[in-house]
PDB file of all heavy atoms in Angstrom:
ATOM      1  N   SER A   1     -30.875  12.934 263.148  1.00  0.00           N
ATOM      2  CA  SER A   1     -29.571  12.351 263.496  1.00  0.00           C
ATOM      3  C   SER A   1     -28.945  11.604 262.315  1.00  0.00           C
ATOM      4  O   SER A   1     -29.687  11.083 261.497  1.00  0.00           O
ATOM      5  CB  SER A   1     -29.673  11.353 264.666  1.00  0.00           C
ATOM      6  OG  SER A   1     -30.158  12.024 265.812  1.00  0.00           O
ATOM      7  N   CYS A   2     -27.667  11.697 262.164  1.00  0.00           N
ATOM      8  CA  CYS A   2     -26.983  10.986 261.163  1.00  0.00           C
ATOM      9  C   CYS A   2     -25.723  10.328 261.762  1.00  0.00           C
ATOM     10  O   CYS A   2     -24.826  11.030 262.215  1.00  0.00           O
ATOM     11  CB  CYS A   2     -26.574  11.913 259.997  1.00  0.00           C
ATOM     12  SG  CYS A   2     -25.540  11.157 258.752  1.00  0.00           S
ATOM     13  N   ALA A   3     -25.690   9.004 261.723  1.00  0.00           N
ATOM     14  CA  ALA A   3     -24.506   8.267 262.194  1.00  0.00           C
ATOM     15  C   ALA A   3     -23.672   7.797 261.039  1.00  0.00           C
ATOM     16  O   ALA A   3     -24.150   7.069 260.172  1.00  0.00           O
ATOM     17  CB  ALA A   3     -24.945   7.062 263.009  1.00  0.00           C
ATOM     18  N   ALA A   4     -22.459   8.276 260.997  1.00  0.00           N
ATOM     19  CA  ALA A   4     -21.531   7.934 259.937  1.00  0.00           C
ATOM     20  C   ALA A   4     -20.550   6.903 260.422  1.00  0.00           C
ATOM     21  O   ALA A   4     -20.041   6.899 261.522  1.00  0.00           O
ATOM     22  CB  ALA A   4     -20.745   9.162 259.487  1.00  0.00           C
ATOM     23  N   SER A   5     -20.306   5.932 259.560  1.00  0.00           N
ATOM     24  CA  SER A   5     -19.388   4.818 259.920  1.00  0.00           C
ATOM     25  C   SER A   5     -18.575   4.436 258.682  1.00  0.00           C
ATOM     26  O   SER A   5     -18.863   4.770 257.584  1.00  0.00           O
ATOM     27  CB  SER A   5     -20.197   3.616 260.389  1.00  0.00           C
ATOM     28  OG  SER A   5     -21.078   3.113 259.431  1.00  0.00           O
ATOM     29  N   GLY A   6     -17.518   3.731 258.932  1.00  0.00           N
ATOM     30  CA  GLY A   6     -16.636   3.216 257.856  1.00  0.00           C
ATOM     31  C   GLY A   6     -15.390   4.054 257.656  1.00  0.00           C
ATOM     32  O   GLY A   6     -14.542   3.662 256.862  1.00  0.00           O
ATOM     33  N   ARG A   7     -15.296   5.243 258.292  1.00  0.00           N
ATOM     34  CA  ARG A   7     -14.161   6.149 258.198  1.00  0.00           C
ATOM     35  C   ARG A   7     -14.010   6.888 259.511  1.00  0.00           C
ATOM     36  O   ARG A   7     -14.941   6.881 260.327  1.00  0.00           O
ATOM     37  CB  ARG A   7     -14.322   7.126 257.077  1.00  0.00           C
ATOM     38  CG  ARG A   7     -14.396   6.604 255.638  1.00  0.00           C
ATOM     39  CD  ARG A   7     -12.991   6.152 255.138  1.00  0.00           C
ATOM     40  NE  ARG A   7     -13.041   5.921 253.717  1.00  0.00           N
ATOM     41  CZ  ARG A   7     -13.470   4.742 253.174  1.00  0.00           C
ATOM     42  NH1 ARG A   7     -13.850   3.756 253.981  1.00  0.00           N
ATOM     43  NH2 ARG A   7     -13.417   4.594 251.909  1.00  0.00           N
ATOM     44  N   ASP A   8     -12.876   7.463 259.655  1.00  0.00           N
ATOM     45  CA  ASP A   8     -12.676   8.471 260.670  1.00  0.00           C
ATOM     46  C   ASP A   8     -13.062   9.788 260.072  1.00  0.00           C
ATOM     47  O   ASP A   8     -12.430  10.311 259.195  1.00  0.00           O
ATOM     48  CB  ASP A   8     -11.199   8.537 261.158  1.00  0.00           C
ATOM     49  CG  ASP A   8     -10.916   9.534 262.190  1.00  0.00           C
ATOM     50  OD1 ASP A   8     -11.870  10.296 262.594  1.00  0.00           O
ATOM     51  OD2 ASP A   8      -9.808   9.607 262.685  1.00  0.00           O
ATOM     52  N   PHE A   9     -14.193  10.361 260.590  1.00  0.00           N
ATOM     53  CA  PHE A   9     -14.790  11.531 259.994  1.00  0.00           C
ATOM     54  C   PHE A   9     -14.360  12.792 260.657  1.00  0.00           C
ATOM     55  O   PHE A   9     -14.952  13.876 260.484  1.00  0.00           O
ATOM     56  CB  PHE A   9     -16.315  11.397 260.007  1.00  0.00           C
ATOM     57  CG  PHE A   9     -16.854  10.349 259.051  1.00  0.00           C
ATOM     58  CD1 PHE A   9     -17.095   9.133 259.489  1.00  0.00           C
ATOM     59  CD2 PHE A   9     -17.028  10.711 257.719  1.00  0.00           C
ATOM     60  CE1 PHE A   9     -17.597   8.139 258.603  1.00  0.00           C
ATOM     61  CE2 PHE A   9     -17.456   9.755 256.829  1.00  0.00           C
ATOM     62  CZ  PHE A   9     -17.745   8.490 257.263  1.00  0.00           C
ATOM     63  N   THR A  10     -13.311  12.711 261.477  1.00  0.00           N
ATOM     64  CA  THR A  10     -12.843  13.868 262.198  1.00  0.00           C
ATOM     65  C   THR A  10     -12.521  15.024 261.269  1.00  0.00           C
ATOM     66  O   THR A  10     -12.816  16.211 261.552  1.00  0.00           O
ATOM     67  CB  THR A  10     -11.620  13.586 263.067  1.00  0.00           C
ATOM     68  OG1 THR A  10     -11.936  12.511 263.985  1.00  0.00           O
ATOM     69  CG2 THR A  10     -11.167  14.779 263.861  1.00  0.00           C
ATOM     70  N   SER A  11     -11.958  14.761 260.099  1.00  0.00           N
ATOM     71  CA  SER A  11     -11.540  15.760 259.185  1.00  0.00           C
ATOM     72  C   SER A  11     -12.559  16.082 258.109  1.00  0.00           C
ATOM     73  O   SER A  11     -12.325  16.875 257.216  1.00  0.00           O
ATOM     74  CB  SER A  11     -10.195  15.375 258.482  1.00  0.00           C
ATOM     75  OG  SER A  11      -9.177  15.257 259.389  1.00  0.00           O
ATOM     76  N   TYR A  12     -13.717  15.448 258.208  1.00  0.00           N
ATOM     77  CA  TYR A  12     -14.799  15.705 257.254  1.00  0.00           C
ATOM     78  C   TYR A  12     -15.711  16.834 257.737  1.00  0.00           C
ATOM     79  O   TYR A  12     -15.941  17.031 258.956  1.00  0.00           O
ATOM     80  CB  TYR A  12     -15.627  14.466 257.090  1.00  0.00           C
ATOM     81  CG  TYR A  12     -15.037  13.374 256.260  1.00  0.00           C
ATOM     82  CD1 TYR A  12     -13.974  12.659 256.686  1.00  0.00           C
ATOM     83  CD2 TYR A  12     -15.672  13.010 255.007  1.00  0.00           C
ATOM     84  CE1 TYR A  12     -13.432  11.630 255.880  1.00  0.00           C
ATOM     85  CE2 TYR A  12     -15.129  11.996 254.254  1.00  0.00           C
ATOM     86  CZ  TYR A  12     -13.994  11.306 254.700  1.00  0.00           C
ATOM     87  OH  TYR A  12     -13.486  10.318 253.876  1.00  0.00           O
ATOM     88  N   THR A  13     -16.196  17.594 256.735  1.00  0.00           N
ATOM     89  CA  THR A  13     -17.330  18.428 257.011  1.00  0.00           C
ATOM     90  C   THR A  13     -18.571  17.620 256.973  1.00  0.00           C
ATOM     91  O   THR A  13     -18.807  16.908 255.963  1.00  0.00           O
ATOM     92  CB  THR A  13     -17.387  19.592 256.000  1.00  0.00           C
ATOM     93  OG1 THR A  13     -16.182  20.331 256.070  1.00  0.00           O
ATOM     94  CG2 THR A  13     -18.580  20.440 256.265  1.00  0.00           C
ATOM     95  N   LEU A  14     -19.416  17.705 257.960  1.00  0.00           N
ATOM     96  CA  LEU A  14     -20.655  17.004 257.958  1.00  0.00           C
ATOM     97  C   LEU A  14     -21.761  18.034 257.793  1.00  0.00           C
ATOM     98  O   LEU A  14     -21.689  19.153 258.264  1.00  0.00           O
ATOM     99  CB  LEU A  14     -20.913  16.260 259.292  1.00  0.00           C
ATOM    100  CG  LEU A  14     -19.824  15.222 259.658  1.00  0.00           C
ATOM    101  CD1 LEU A  14     -20.225  14.525 260.983  1.00  0.00           C
ATOM    102  CD2 LEU A  14     -19.698  14.182 258.543  1.00  0.00           C
ATOM    103  N   GLY A  15     -22.790  17.669 257.048  1.00  0.00           N
ATOM    104  CA  GLY A  15     -23.834  18.608 256.778  1.00  0.00           C
ATOM    105  C   GLY A  15     -25.167  18.034 256.430  1.00  0.00           C
ATOM    106  O   GLY A  15     -25.262  16.783 256.303  1.00  0.00           O
ATOM    107  N   TRP A  16     -26.150  18.883 256.398  1.00  0.00           N
ATOM    108  CA  TRP A  16     -27.518  18.502 256.045  1.00  0.00           C
ATOM    109  C   TRP A  16     -27.952  19.249 254.781  1.00  0.00           C
ATOM    110  O   TRP A  16     -27.740  20.506 254.718  1.00  0.00           O
ATOM    111  CB  TRP A  16     -28.486  18.760 257.144  1.00  0.00           C
ATOM    112  CG  TRP A  16     -28.235  17.821 258.352  1.00  0.00           C
ATOM    113  CD1 TRP A  16     -27.548  18.136 259.470  1.00  0.00           C
ATOM    114  CD2 TRP A  16     -28.852  16.561 258.497  1.00  0.00           C
ATOM    115  NE1 TRP A  16     -27.565  17.045 260.325  1.00  0.00           N
ATOM    116  CE2 TRP A  16     -28.407  16.079 259.747  1.00  0.00           C
ATOM    117  CE3 TRP A  16     -29.687  15.759 257.752  1.00  0.00           C
ATOM    118  CZ2 TRP A  16     -28.749  14.845 260.275  1.00  0.00           C
ATOM    119  CZ3 TRP A  16     -30.028  14.518 258.215  1.00  0.00           C
ATOM    120  CH2 TRP A  16     -29.574  14.062 259.458  1.00  0.00           C
ATOM    121  N   TYR A  17     -28.487  18.544 253.814  1.00  0.00           N
ATOM    122  CA  TYR A  17     -29.087  19.103 252.706  1.00  0.00           C
ATOM    123  C   TYR A  17     -30.579  18.758 252.625  1.00  0.00           C
ATOM    124  O   TYR A  17     -30.953  17.793 253.278  1.00  0.00           O
ATOM    125  CB  TYR A  17     -28.369  18.649 251.351  1.00  0.00           C
ATOM    126  CG  TYR A  17     -26.984  19.124 251.151  1.00  0.00           C
ATOM    127  CD1 TYR A  17     -25.940  18.657 251.922  1.00  0.00           C
ATOM    128  CD2 TYR A  17     -26.772  20.065 250.139  1.00  0.00           C
ATOM    129  CE1 TYR A  17     -24.621  19.122 251.701  1.00  0.00           C
ATOM    130  CE2 TYR A  17     -25.462  20.539 249.929  1.00  0.00           C
ATOM    131  CZ  TYR A  17     -24.440  20.047 250.687  1.00  0.00           C
ATOM    132  OH  TYR A  17     -23.133  20.484 250.463  1.00  0.00           O
ATOM    133  N   ARG A  18     -31.289  19.435 251.859  1.00  0.00           N
ATOM    134  CA  ARG A  18     -32.713  19.086 251.713  1.00  0.00           C
ATOM    135  C   ARG A  18     -33.146  19.359 250.271  1.00  0.00           C
ATOM    136  O   ARG A  18     -32.604  20.204 249.583  1.00  0.00           O
ATOM    137  CB  ARG A  18     -33.595  19.882 252.667  1.00  0.00           C
ATOM    138  CG  ARG A  18     -33.714  21.345 252.433  1.00  0.00           C
ATOM    139  CD  ARG A  18     -34.522  22.022 253.506  1.00  0.00           C
ATOM    140  NE  ARG A  18     -34.660  23.443 253.278  1.00  0.00           N
ATOM    141  CZ  ARG A  18     -35.172  24.306 254.197  1.00  0.00           C
ATOM    142  NH1 ARG A  18     -35.542  23.853 255.419  1.00  0.00           N
ATOM    143  NH2 ARG A  18     -35.303  25.594 253.938  1.00  0.00           N
ATOM    144  N   GLN A  19     -34.156  18.583 249.900  1.00  0.00           N
ATOM    145  CA  GLN A  19     -34.683  18.761 248.586  1.00  0.00           C
ATOM    146  C   GLN A  19     -36.191  18.612 248.614  1.00  0.00           C
ATOM    147  O   GLN A  19     -36.714  17.539 249.013  1.00  0.00           O
ATOM    148  CB  GLN A  19     -34.053  17.756 247.564  1.00  0.00           C
ATOM    149  CG  GLN A  19     -34.513  17.954 246.166  1.00  0.00           C
ATOM    150  CD  GLN A  19     -33.659  17.199 245.136  1.00  0.00           C
ATOM    151  OE1 GLN A  19     -33.121  16.116 245.483  1.00  0.00           O
ATOM    152  NE2 GLN A  19     -33.579  17.704 243.913  1.00  0.00           N
ATOM    153  N   ALA A  20     -36.869  19.702 248.266  1.00  0.00           N
ATOM    154  CA  ALA A  20     -38.319  19.683 248.143  1.00  0.00           C
ATOM    155  C   ALA A  20     -38.773  19.344 246.763  1.00  0.00           C
ATOM    156  O   ALA A  20     -38.008  19.566 245.798  1.00  0.00           O
ATOM    157  CB  ALA A  20     -38.877  21.000 248.644  1.00  0.00           C
ATOM    158  N   PRO A  21     -39.956  18.875 246.519  1.00  0.00           N
ATOM    159  CA  PRO A  21     -40.436  18.552 245.189  1.00  0.00           C
ATOM    160  C   PRO A  21     -40.338  19.752 244.291  1.00  0.00           C
ATOM    161  O   PRO A  21     -40.740  20.821 244.617  1.00  0.00           O
ATOM    162  CB  PRO A  21     -41.936  18.147 245.457  1.00  0.00           C
ATOM    163  CG  PRO A  21     -41.938  17.638 246.832  1.00  0.00           C
ATOM    164  CD  PRO A  21     -40.946  18.485 247.587  1.00  0.00           C
ATOM    165  N   GLY A  22     -39.727  19.526 243.149  1.00  0.00           N
ATOM    166  CA  GLY A  22     -39.602  20.540 242.146  1.00  0.00           C
ATOM    167  C   GLY A  22     -38.537  21.540 242.413  1.00  0.00           C
ATOM    168  O   GLY A  22     -38.395  22.569 241.652  1.00  0.00           O
ATOM    169  N   LYS A  23     -37.735  21.337 243.446  1.00  0.00           N
ATOM    170  CA  LYS A  23     -36.674  22.283 243.784  1.00  0.00           C
ATOM    171  C   LYS A  23     -35.268  21.608 243.771  1.00  0.00           C
ATOM    172  O   LYS A  23     -35.175  20.412 243.848  1.00  0.00           O
ATOM    173  CB  LYS A  23     -36.932  22.904 245.163  1.00  0.00           C
ATOM    174  CG  LYS A  23     -38.095  23.804 245.200  1.00  0.00           C
ATOM    175  CD  LYS A  23     -38.224  24.581 246.503  1.00  0.00           C
ATOM    176  CE  LYS A  23     -39.358  25.543 246.546  1.00  0.00           C
ATOM    177  NZ  LYS A  23     -39.385  26.336 247.841  1.00  0.00           N
ATOM    178  N   GLN A  24     -34.276  22.423 243.662  1.00  0.00           N
ATOM    179  CA  GLN A  24     -32.909  21.952 243.710  1.00  0.00           C
ATOM    180  C   GLN A  24     -32.534  21.543 245.152  1.00  0.00           C
ATOM    181  O   GLN A  24     -33.104  22.042 246.114  1.00  0.00           O
ATOM    182  CB  GLN A  24     -31.908  23.065 243.294  1.00  0.00           C
ATOM    183  CG  GLN A  24     -32.097  23.490 241.833  1.00  0.00           C
ATOM    184  CD  GLN A  24     -31.465  22.535 240.882  1.00  0.00           C
ATOM    185  OE1 GLN A  24     -30.411  21.946 241.182  1.00  0.00           O
ATOM    186  NE2 GLN A  24     -32.067  22.352 239.756  1.00  0.00           N
ATOM    187  N   ARG A  25     -31.633  20.601 245.287  1.00  0.00           N
ATOM    188  CA  ARG A  25     -31.108  20.272 246.577  1.00  0.00           C
ATOM    189  C   ARG A  25     -30.289  21.425 247.128  1.00  0.00           C
ATOM    190  O   ARG A  25     -29.474  22.030 246.371  1.00  0.00           O
ATOM    191  CB  ARG A  25     -30.259  19.027 246.478  1.00  0.00           C
ATOM    192  CG  ARG A  25     -29.798  18.478 247.849  1.00  0.00           C
ATOM    193  CD  ARG A  25     -29.075  17.152 247.768  1.00  0.00           C
ATOM    194  NE  ARG A  25     -29.933  16.106 247.231  1.00  0.00           N
ATOM    195  CZ  ARG A  25     -29.574  14.817 247.172  1.00  0.00           C
ATOM    196  NH1 ARG A  25     -28.426  14.420 247.612  1.00  0.00           N
ATOM    197  NH2 ARG A  25     -30.431  13.880 246.664  1.00  0.00           N
ATOM    198  N   GLU A  26     -30.544  21.754 248.374  1.00  0.00           N
ATOM    199  CA  GLU A  26     -29.803  22.904 248.915  1.00  0.00           C
ATOM    200  C   GLU A  26     -29.201  22.582 250.265  1.00  0.00           C
ATOM    201  O   GLU A  26     -29.678  21.714 251.010  1.00  0.00           O
ATOM    202  CB  GLU A  26     -30.826  24.080 249.137  1.00  0.00           C
ATOM    203  CG  GLU A  26     -31.910  23.803 250.154  1.00  0.00           C
ATOM    204  CD  GLU A  26     -32.808  24.990 250.408  1.00  0.00           C
ATOM    205  OE1 GLU A  26     -32.398  26.126 250.048  1.00  0.00           O
ATOM    206  OE2 GLU A  26     -33.857  24.840 251.055  1.00  0.00           O
ATOM    207  N   LEU A  27     -28.126  23.234 250.533  1.00  0.00           N
ATOM    208  CA  LEU A  27     -27.439  23.082 251.794  1.00  0.00           C
ATOM    209  C   LEU A  27     -28.244  23.778 252.872  1.00  0.00           C
ATOM    210  O   LEU A  27     -28.645  24.890 252.790  1.00  0.00           O
ATOM    211  CB  LEU A  27     -26.065  23.718 251.744  1.00  0.00           C
ATOM    212  CG  LEU A  27     -25.270  23.736 253.059  1.00  0.00           C
ATOM    213  CD1 LEU A  27     -24.940  22.309 253.493  1.00  0.00           C
ATOM    214  CD2 LEU A  27     -23.957  24.526 252.945  1.00  0.00           C
ATOM    215  N   VAL A  28     -28.499  23.056 253.957  1.00  0.00           N
ATOM    216  CA  VAL A  28     -29.194  23.599 255.130  1.00  0.00           C
ATOM    217  C   VAL A  28     -28.221  24.096 256.175  1.00  0.00           C
ATOM    218  O   VAL A  28     -28.335  25.167 256.696  1.00  0.00           O
ATOM    219  CB  VAL A  28     -30.117  22.551 255.709  1.00  0.00           C
ATOM    220  CG1 VAL A  28     -30.871  23.060 256.969  1.00  0.00           C
ATOM    221  CG2 VAL A  28     -31.188  22.066 254.678  1.00  0.00           C
ATOM    222  N   ALA A  29     -27.296  23.205 256.482  1.00  0.00           N
ATOM    223  CA  ALA A  29     -26.328  23.547 257.512  1.00  0.00           C
ATOM    224  C   ALA A  29     -25.089  22.606 257.401  1.00  0.00           C
ATOM    225  O   ALA A  29     -25.264  21.468 256.939  1.00  0.00           O
ATOM    226  CB  ALA A  29     -26.866  23.437 258.895  1.00  0.00           C
ATOM    227  N   SER A  30     -23.936  23.080 257.767  1.00  0.00           N
ATOM    228  CA  SER A  30     -22.772  22.241 257.775  1.00  0.00           C
ATOM    229  C   SER A  30     -21.917  22.590 259.011  1.00  0.00           C
ATOM    230  O   SER A  30     -22.025  23.692 259.567  1.00  0.00           O
ATOM    231  CB  SER A  30     -21.971  22.507 256.531  1.00  0.00           C
ATOM    232  OG  SER A  30     -21.433  23.793 256.417  1.00  0.00           O
ATOM    233  N   ILE A  31     -21.063  21.588 259.355  1.00  0.00           N
ATOM    234  CA  ILE A  31     -20.225  21.793 260.495  1.00  0.00           C
ATOM    235  C   ILE A  31     -18.863  21.091 260.249  1.00  0.00           C
ATOM    236  O   ILE A  31     -18.838  20.003 259.760  1.00  0.00           O
ATOM    237  CB  ILE A  31     -20.904  21.277 261.841  1.00  0.00           C
ATOM    238  CG1 ILE A  31     -19.994  21.532 262.993  1.00  0.00           C
ATOM    239  CG2 ILE A  31     -21.265  19.839 261.663  1.00  0.00           C
ATOM    240  CD1 ILE A  31     -20.690  21.327 264.316  1.00  0.00           C
ATOM    241  N   PHE A  32     -17.830  21.854 260.572  1.00  0.00           N
ATOM    242  CA  PHE A  32     -16.468  21.301 260.480  1.00  0.00           C
ATOM    243  C   PHE A  32     -15.833  21.446 261.859  1.00  0.00           C
ATOM    244  O   PHE A  32     -15.899  22.549 262.415  1.00  0.00           O
ATOM    245  CB  PHE A  32     -15.630  22.021 259.390  1.00  0.00           C
ATOM    246  CG  PHE A  32     -14.222  21.483 259.342  1.00  0.00           C
ATOM    247  CD1 PHE A  32     -13.933  20.301 258.715  1.00  0.00           C
ATOM    248  CD2 PHE A  32     -13.189  22.235 259.956  1.00  0.00           C
ATOM    249  CE1 PHE A  32     -12.618  19.862 258.638  1.00  0.00           C
ATOM    250  CE2 PHE A  32     -11.889  21.755 259.890  1.00  0.00           C
ATOM    251  CZ  PHE A  32     -11.578  20.584 259.219  1.00  0.00           C
ATOM    252  N   GLY A  33     -15.376  20.368 262.415  1.00  0.00           N
ATOM    253  CA  GLY A  33     -14.957  20.417 263.769  1.00  0.00           C
ATOM    254  C   GLY A  33     -16.175  20.621 264.679  1.00  0.00           C
ATOM    255  O   GLY A  33     -17.218  20.021 264.424  1.00  0.00           O
ATOM    256  N   SER A  34     -16.047  21.467 265.625  1.00  0.00           N
ATOM    257  CA  SER A  34     -17.149  21.737 266.519  1.00  0.00           C
ATOM    258  C   SER A  34     -17.716  23.089 266.490  1.00  0.00           C
ATOM    259  O   SER A  34     -18.826  23.365 266.963  1.00  0.00           O
ATOM    260  CB  SER A  34     -16.730  21.431 267.983  1.00  0.00           C
ATOM    261  OG  SER A  34     -15.663  22.297 268.371  1.00  0.00           O
ATOM    262  N   ASP A  35     -17.041  24.046 265.774  1.00  0.00           N
ATOM    263  CA  ASP A  35     -17.469  25.429 265.794  1.00  0.00           C
ATOM    264  C   ASP A  35     -17.383  26.153 264.445  1.00  0.00           C
ATOM    265  O   ASP A  35     -17.733  27.365 264.364  1.00  0.00           O
ATOM    266  CB  ASP A  35     -16.666  26.220 266.842  1.00  0.00           C
ATOM    267  CG  ASP A  35     -15.168  26.145 266.660  1.00  0.00           C
ATOM    268  OD1 ASP A  35     -14.685  25.627 265.637  1.00  0.00           O
ATOM    269  OD2 ASP A  35     -14.458  26.631 267.560  1.00  0.00           O
ATOM    270  N   ASN A  36     -17.026  25.448 263.424  1.00  0.00           N
ATOM    271  CA  ASN A  36     -17.022  26.071 262.090  1.00  0.00           C
ATOM    272  C   ASN A  36     -18.329  25.677 261.475  1.00  0.00           C
ATOM    273  O   ASN A  36     -18.482  24.584 260.857  1.00  0.00           O
ATOM    274  CB  ASN A  36     -15.875  25.574 261.305  1.00  0.00           C
ATOM    275  CG  ASN A  36     -15.683  26.382 259.970  1.00  0.00           C
ATOM    276  OD1 ASN A  36     -16.627  27.071 259.542  1.00  0.00           O
ATOM    277  ND2 ASN A  36     -14.551  26.247 259.373  1.00  0.00           N
ATOM    278  N   ILE A  37     -19.333  26.516 261.553  1.00  0.00           N
ATOM    279  CA  ILE A  37     -20.724  26.206 261.229  1.00  0.00           C
ATOM    280  C   ILE A  37     -21.239  27.189 260.205  1.00  0.00           C
ATOM    281  O   ILE A  37     -20.996  28.379 260.295  1.00  0.00           O
ATOM    282  CB  ILE A  37     -21.558  26.233 262.479  1.00  0.00           C
ATOM    283  CG1 ILE A  37     -21.109  25.099 263.422  1.00  0.00           C
ATOM    284  CG2 ILE A  37     -23.073  26.062 262.157  1.00  0.00           C
ATOM    285  CD1 ILE A  37     -21.803  25.131 264.784  1.00  0.00           C
ATOM    286  N   ASN A  38     -22.014  26.718 259.231  1.00  0.00           N
ATOM    287  CA  ASN A  38     -22.695  27.547 258.272  1.00  0.00           C
ATOM    288  C   ASN A  38     -24.183  27.128 258.179  1.00  0.00           C
ATOM    289  O   ASN A  38     -24.493  25.909 258.336  1.00  0.00           O
ATOM    290  CB  ASN A  38     -22.088  27.456 256.904  1.00  0.00           C
ATOM    291  CG  ASN A  38     -20.716  28.100 256.856  1.00  0.00           C
ATOM    292  OD1 ASN A  38     -20.584  29.325 257.088  1.00  0.00           O
ATOM    293  ND2 ASN A  38     -19.703  27.306 256.514  1.00  0.00           N
ATOM    294  N   TYR A  39     -25.067  28.089 258.075  1.00  0.00           N
ATOM    295  CA  TYR A  39     -26.488  27.862 257.921  1.00  0.00           C
ATOM    296  C   TYR A  39     -27.020  28.571 256.677  1.00  0.00           C
ATOM    297  O   TYR A  39     -26.514  29.663 256.313  1.00  0.00           O
ATOM    298  CB  TYR A  39     -27.291  28.353 259.098  1.00  0.00           C
ATOM    299  CG  TYR A  39     -27.004  27.689 260.398  1.00  0.00           C
ATOM    300  CD1 TYR A  39     -26.199  28.277 261.369  1.00  0.00           C
ATOM    301  CD2 TYR A  39     -27.602  26.473 260.677  1.00  0.00           C
ATOM    302  CE1 TYR A  39     -25.982  27.605 262.560  1.00  0.00           C
ATOM    303  CE2 TYR A  39     -27.422  25.795 261.836  1.00  0.00           C
ATOM    304  CZ  TYR A  39     -26.558  26.394 262.832  1.00  0.00           C
ATOM    305  OH  TYR A  39     -26.379  25.719 264.009  1.00  0.00           O
TER     306      TYR A  39
END
């Protein structure tokens, strides 16, 4: 879970990235609105 505060994030894309040891940070998933989703 990620709780965002301090702004109205309605117009923001929210996403998850991950970084394993020795690897680049990579996008895992993102969501804009409720149905614009990438994995």
